Protein backbone atom coordinates (compact mmCIF):
# COMPACT_ATOMS: atom_id res chain seq x y z
CA UNK A 1 -11.81 4.12 31.47
CA UNK A 2 -8.67 2.33 29.99
CA UNK A 3 -6.94 4.03 27.51
CA UNK A 4 -6.61 2.22 24.41
CA UNK A 5 -3.09 2.29 22.60
CA UNK A 6 -2.07 1.29 19.07
CA UNK A 7 1.00 -0.63 18.73
CA UNK A 8 3.68 0.83 16.83
CA UNK A 9 4.31 0.00 13.11
CA UNK A 10 7.65 -1.96 13.92
CA UNK A 11 5.90 -3.83 16.57
CA UNK A 12 2.84 -4.85 14.79
CA UNK A 13 4.88 -6.23 11.79
CA UNK A 14 7.81 -7.74 13.75
CA UNK A 15 7.77 -11.48 13.11
CA UNK A 16 4.75 -11.40 11.05
CA UNK A 17 6.17 -13.38 7.95
CA UNK A 18 8.06 -16.02 9.92
CA UNK A 19 8.65 -19.15 7.55
CA UNK A 20 8.94 -17.21 4.35
CA UNK A 21 11.80 -16.09 2.35
CA UNK A 22 12.70 -13.50 -0.15
CA UNK A 23 15.29 -12.33 -2.74
CA UNK A 24 15.81 -8.76 -2.65
CA UNK A 25 18.14 -7.74 -5.87
CA UNK A 26 20.47 -4.76 -5.45
CA UNK A 27 20.16 -5.02 -1.41
CA UNK A 28 23.77 -4.54 -0.33
CA UNK A 29 23.31 -1.02 0.41
CA UNK A 30 20.82 2.09 0.09
CA UNK A 31 16.84 1.25 -0.31
CA UNK A 32 17.49 -2.36 -1.33
CA UNK A 33 19.48 -3.00 1.97
CA UNK A 34 16.50 -1.01 3.91
CA UNK A 35 13.96 -3.53 2.62
CA UNK A 36 15.76 -6.79 2.91
CA UNK A 37 16.43 -5.82 6.60
CA UNK A 38 12.74 -4.85 7.21
CA UNK A 39 11.60 -8.50 5.80
CA UNK A 40 14.23 -9.87 8.10
CA UNK A 41 12.82 -7.91 11.06
CA UNK A 42 9.41 -9.53 9.76
CA UNK A 43 10.99 -12.93 10.14
CA UNK A 44 11.76 -13.79 6.43
CA UNK A 45 14.97 -15.45 5.63
CA UNK A 46 16.61 -13.22 2.74
CA UNK A 47 18.88 -13.69 0.08
CA UNK A 48 20.90 -10.49 -0.54
CA UNK A 49 22.33 -9.63 -3.97
CA UNK A 50 24.45 -7.05 -5.42
CA UNK A 51 28.14 -6.43 -6.83
CA UNK A 52 31.29 -5.35 -4.85
CA UNK A 53 29.80 -5.94 -1.45
CA UNK A 54 33.16 -6.28 0.41
CA UNK A 55 31.16 -5.66 3.92
CA UNK A 56 28.31 -8.16 3.39
CA UNK A 57 29.38 -11.03 5.30
CA UNK A 58 29.25 -8.43 8.07
CA UNK A 59 25.72 -7.44 7.16
CA UNK A 60 24.43 -10.80 6.82
CA UNK A 61 26.21 -11.98 10.23
CA UNK A 62 24.47 -9.01 12.34
CA UNK A 63 20.82 -9.33 10.68
CA UNK A 64 20.99 -13.00 11.45
CA UNK A 65 22.03 -12.28 15.06
CA UNK A 66 19.60 -9.69 15.35
CA UNK A 67 16.51 -11.23 14.13
CA UNK A 68 17.19 -15.16 14.09
CA UNK A 69 16.62 -15.68 10.29
CA UNK A 70 18.87 -17.22 7.61
CA UNK A 71 20.55 -14.98 4.89
CA UNK A 72 22.45 -15.93 1.53
CA UNK A 73 24.32 -13.85 -0.59
CA UNK A 74 24.57 -14.05 -4.58
CA UNK A 75 26.76 -11.54 -6.44
CA UNK A 76 24.69 -12.07 -9.71
CA UNK A 77 25.05 -9.46 -12.52
CA UNK A 78 21.48 -8.34 -13.08
CA UNK A 79 22.34 -7.70 -16.50
CA UNK A 80 23.10 -11.55 -17.22
CA UNK A 81 20.16 -13.77 -17.37
CA UNK A 82 22.05 -16.84 -16.31
CA UNK A 83 23.58 -15.47 -13.18
CA UNK A 84 20.00 -14.32 -12.44
CA UNK A 85 19.09 -18.11 -13.08
CA UNK A 86 21.74 -19.39 -10.89
CA UNK A 87 20.43 -17.08 -8.09
CA UNK A 88 17.32 -18.63 -7.92
CA UNK A 89 18.84 -21.77 -7.78
CA UNK A 90 21.06 -20.82 -4.89
CA UNK A 91 17.85 -19.15 -2.99
CA UNK A 92 16.02 -22.48 -3.36
CA UNK A 93 18.75 -24.61 -2.40
CA UNK A 94 19.10 -22.59 0.98
CA UNK A 95 15.20 -21.90 1.59
CA UNK A 96 13.70 -24.50 -0.05
CA UNK A 97 11.04 -21.75 -1.96
CA UNK A 98 11.25 -17.99 -2.94
CA UNK A 99 7.76 -16.39 -1.41
CA UNK A 100 8.62 -12.73 -2.10
CA UNK A 101 10.79 -11.06 -4.85
CA UNK A 102 11.80 -7.41 -4.42
CA UNK A 103 13.50 -5.95 -7.88
CA UNK A 104 15.50 -3.32 -6.49
CA UNK A 105 18.59 -3.29 -8.50
CA UNK A 106 19.41 -0.23 -10.38
CA UNK A 107 21.64 1.97 -12.11
CA UNK A 108 21.47 5.73 -13.42
CA UNK A 109 22.88 7.92 -15.45
CA UNK A 110 22.61 11.41 -15.99
CA UNK A 111 23.11 13.45 -19.72
CA UNK A 112 21.79 15.18 -22.50
CA UNK A 113 20.11 12.72 -25.25
CA UNK A 114 22.06 13.86 -28.16
CA UNK A 115 25.31 12.86 -25.98
CA UNK A 116 23.79 10.01 -24.09
CA UNK A 117 26.11 7.00 -24.84
CA UNK A 118 24.41 4.02 -26.35
CA UNK A 119 26.23 1.36 -24.26
CA UNK A 120 24.87 3.49 -21.15
CA UNK A 121 21.33 3.01 -22.55
CA UNK A 122 21.68 -0.64 -23.11
CA UNK A 123 23.17 -1.04 -19.54
CA UNK A 124 20.51 0.97 -17.81
CA UNK A 125 17.47 -0.88 -19.88
CA UNK A 126 19.32 -4.35 -18.94
CA UNK A 127 19.62 -3.73 -15.14
CA UNK A 128 16.40 -1.35 -14.43
CA UNK A 129 14.00 -3.30 -16.48
CA UNK A 130 15.00 -6.80 -18.35
CA UNK A 131 16.44 -8.24 -15.23
CA UNK A 132 13.07 -7.62 -13.59
CA UNK A 133 11.59 -9.80 -16.77
CA UNK A 134 14.24 -12.44 -16.03
CA UNK A 135 13.69 -12.95 -12.15
CA UNK A 136 9.79 -12.63 -12.36
CA UNK A 137 9.94 -15.09 -15.15
CA UNK A 138 11.84 -17.44 -12.57
CA UNK A 139 9.75 -16.92 -9.45
CA UNK A 140 6.34 -17.16 -10.89
CA UNK A 141 6.09 -21.17 -11.48
CA UNK A 142 7.41 -21.55 -7.65
CA UNK A 143 4.64 -19.10 -6.59
CA UNK A 144 1.84 -20.31 -8.70
CA UNK A 145 2.58 -24.07 -7.43
CA UNK A 146 2.34 -22.82 -3.91
CA UNK A 147 -0.47 -20.73 -4.46
CA UNK A 148 1.05 -17.65 -2.82
CA UNK A 149 3.43 -15.07 -3.80
CA UNK A 150 4.84 -11.38 -3.46
CA UNK A 151 6.55 -9.45 -6.40
CA UNK A 152 7.60 -5.93 -5.63
CA UNK A 153 9.17 -3.94 -8.12
CA UNK A 154 11.37 -0.84 -7.02
CA UNK A 155 10.12 1.61 -9.50
CA UNK A 156 10.50 5.41 -9.07
CA UNK A 157 8.30 8.80 -9.20
CA UNK A 158 10.15 8.43 -12.35
CA UNK A 159 8.17 5.97 -13.24
CA UNK A 160 5.13 8.04 -13.19
CA UNK A 161 6.74 11.14 -14.48
CA UNK A 162 9.90 12.60 -16.08
CA UNK A 163 12.79 14.75 -15.58
CA UNK A 164 15.08 15.84 -18.10
CA UNK A 165 18.56 14.30 -18.86
CA UNK A 166 17.35 10.72 -17.55
CA UNK A 167 16.05 9.13 -20.97
CA UNK A 168 17.08 5.59 -20.00
CA UNK A 169 16.06 5.59 -16.52
CA UNK A 170 12.50 7.45 -16.97
CA UNK A 171 12.04 4.66 -20.02
CA UNK A 172 12.89 2.00 -17.85
CA UNK A 173 11.01 2.91 -14.75
CA UNK A 174 7.74 3.61 -17.11
CA UNK A 175 8.32 0.23 -18.55
CA UNK A 176 8.46 -1.24 -15.32
CA UNK A 177 5.29 -0.37 -14.14
CA UNK A 178 3.91 -1.69 -17.66
CA UNK A 179 5.46 -5.10 -16.92
CA UNK A 180 4.11 -4.97 -13.01
CA UNK A 181 0.37 -4.71 -14.29
CA UNK A 182 0.91 -6.84 -16.77
CA UNK A 183 2.05 -9.87 -14.59
CA UNK A 184 -0.37 -8.77 -11.83
CA UNK A 185 -2.79 -9.55 -14.40
CA UNK A 186 -1.66 -12.80 -15.54
CA UNK A 187 -1.16 -14.23 -11.55
CA UNK A 188 -4.38 -12.78 -10.13
CA UNK A 189 -6.01 -16.11 -9.69
CA UNK A 190 -3.34 -17.86 -7.94
CA UNK A 191 -2.41 -15.97 -5.19
CA UNK A 192 0.08 -13.66 -6.02
CA UNK A 193 0.22 -9.88 -6.09
CA UNK A 194 2.41 -7.76 -8.10
CA UNK A 195 2.98 -4.15 -7.18
CA UNK A 196 5.89 -1.44 -7.61
CA UNK A 197 6.80 1.27 -4.85
CA UNK A 198 7.69 4.31 -6.33
CA UNK A 199 10.10 6.40 -4.16
CA UNK A 200 10.70 9.94 -4.58
CA UNK A 201 14.52 10.84 -3.75
CA UNK A 202 16.20 9.13 -1.00
CA UNK A 203 19.66 9.89 -0.17
CA UNK A 204 21.40 6.69 -1.30
CA UNK A 205 24.85 6.04 -2.82
CA UNK A 206 22.87 6.36 -5.95
CA UNK A 207 21.28 9.48 -5.30
CA UNK A 208 24.53 11.10 -4.01
CA UNK A 209 26.09 10.05 -7.49
CA UNK A 210 23.55 11.84 -9.45
CA UNK A 211 24.26 15.04 -7.46
CA UNK A 212 27.67 16.10 -9.26
CA UNK A 213 26.39 14.61 -12.55
CA UNK A 214 23.11 16.65 -12.24
CA UNK A 215 25.24 20.02 -11.34
CA UNK A 216 27.48 19.37 -14.31
CA UNK A 217 24.53 18.95 -16.71
CA UNK A 218 22.56 21.84 -15.55
CA UNK A 219 25.74 24.10 -14.93
CA UNK A 220 24.45 24.57 -11.34
CA UNK A 221 26.41 23.92 -8.08
CA UNK A 222 25.77 20.73 -5.86
CA UNK A 223 23.78 22.63 -3.21
CA UNK A 224 21.65 23.95 -6.03
CA UNK A 225 20.97 20.53 -7.24
CA UNK A 226 19.71 19.46 -3.64
CA UNK A 227 17.45 22.45 -3.23
CA UNK A 228 16.43 23.47 -6.45
CA UNK A 229 16.29 20.23 -8.33
CA UNK A 230 16.08 17.11 -6.22
CA UNK A 231 13.82 18.54 -3.03
CA UNK A 232 11.93 20.96 -5.07
CA UNK A 233 10.01 18.03 -6.84
CA UNK A 234 9.02 16.80 -3.22
CA UNK A 235 6.28 19.25 -1.31
CA UNK A 236 7.62 17.77 1.99
CA UNK A 237 10.91 18.94 1.13
CA UNK A 238 12.77 16.42 2.77
CA UNK A 239 14.61 13.13 1.32
CA UNK A 240 12.30 9.94 1.79
CA UNK A 241 14.17 7.30 4.11
CA UNK A 242 14.99 3.89 3.52
CA UNK A 243 13.21 2.61 6.87
CA UNK A 244 9.63 4.23 5.05
CA UNK A 245 10.33 2.17 1.89
CA UNK A 246 11.06 -0.91 3.87
CA UNK A 247 7.75 -0.50 5.89
CA UNK A 248 5.64 -0.31 2.71
CA UNK A 249 7.70 -3.67 0.98
CA UNK A 250 6.67 -5.42 4.48
CA UNK A 251 3.00 -4.36 4.44
CA UNK A 252 2.68 -5.57 0.61
CA UNK A 253 3.99 -8.93 1.92
CA UNK A 254 1.36 -9.41 4.10
CA UNK A 255 -2.14 -10.52 3.85
CA UNK A 256 -3.43 -7.30 4.61
CA UNK A 257 -2.17 -6.47 1.18
CA UNK A 258 -4.17 -9.54 -0.47
CA UNK A 259 -6.14 -7.21 -2.72
CA UNK A 260 -3.60 -4.79 -3.79
CA UNK A 261 -2.19 -6.05 -6.94
CA UNK A 262 -1.10 -4.39 -10.17
CA UNK A 263 -0.78 -0.75 -8.30
CA UNK A 264 2.07 1.83 -8.50
CA UNK A 265 2.21 2.95 -5.12
CA UNK A 266 3.85 6.88 -4.65
CA UNK A 267 6.48 7.32 -1.69
CA UNK A 268 7.18 10.64 -2.62
CA UNK A 269 6.37 13.18 -0.45
CA UNK A 270 3.88 14.57 -2.64
CA UNK A 271 5.54 14.78 -5.64
CA UNK A 272 3.43 13.26 -8.29
CA UNK A 273 0.36 14.90 -7.04
CA UNK A 274 1.36 18.42 -8.27
């Protein structure tokens, strides 16, 4: 009897989104870069975004060469609505349309509420929440006109549960889930899906920066922060990988996810199941 084999995930999704294009905010490193790379591997043209990306030309050239797609880059500041609009204009000029929007840009600050700097609060809300409003507002008209679109908001396990010393981040990510659900309802009859991915701790530059900040706030060593604060929350006791998040983003962009909208999808090793 012939043995049946199941194709590996990367084989089954490679090239499945040829002809479509995406904007991925905050995509010069970490989760955003992983998602952008996964979408490019699936055949999509990709607009990269991020500040201070000295190696972005090399990153783009490598991805274009490996996957045969077109790329572009915008240094738009996600706290500035006018720059967000200009990024969309650049993407449309380059690709003709924006089929998939991934809101990934995010910043963090860890400090007790009574000493939390108001300017940091405003900045985190602007980048982690308000930016998604502005990008979605720019993306939806074209998606409606074409009768197809995917909006993927990278939230966090902190969009579902809270942790101390992260008031602005937790507030912004909870708000992002509310925005996700609202826009999903508004666009449900137009072939558009709107979902949030809620990762647990991924060892990205953002998380690496949090380790010494959390150590200071909680008066712990950095090793204790990793073992007893970060990974303690995840029953798998390991960091989530950027490849895992990228795979979820690709799936949500395919027709197999046509009926998934308004969802907050945990990818956090069982954290929020507790």
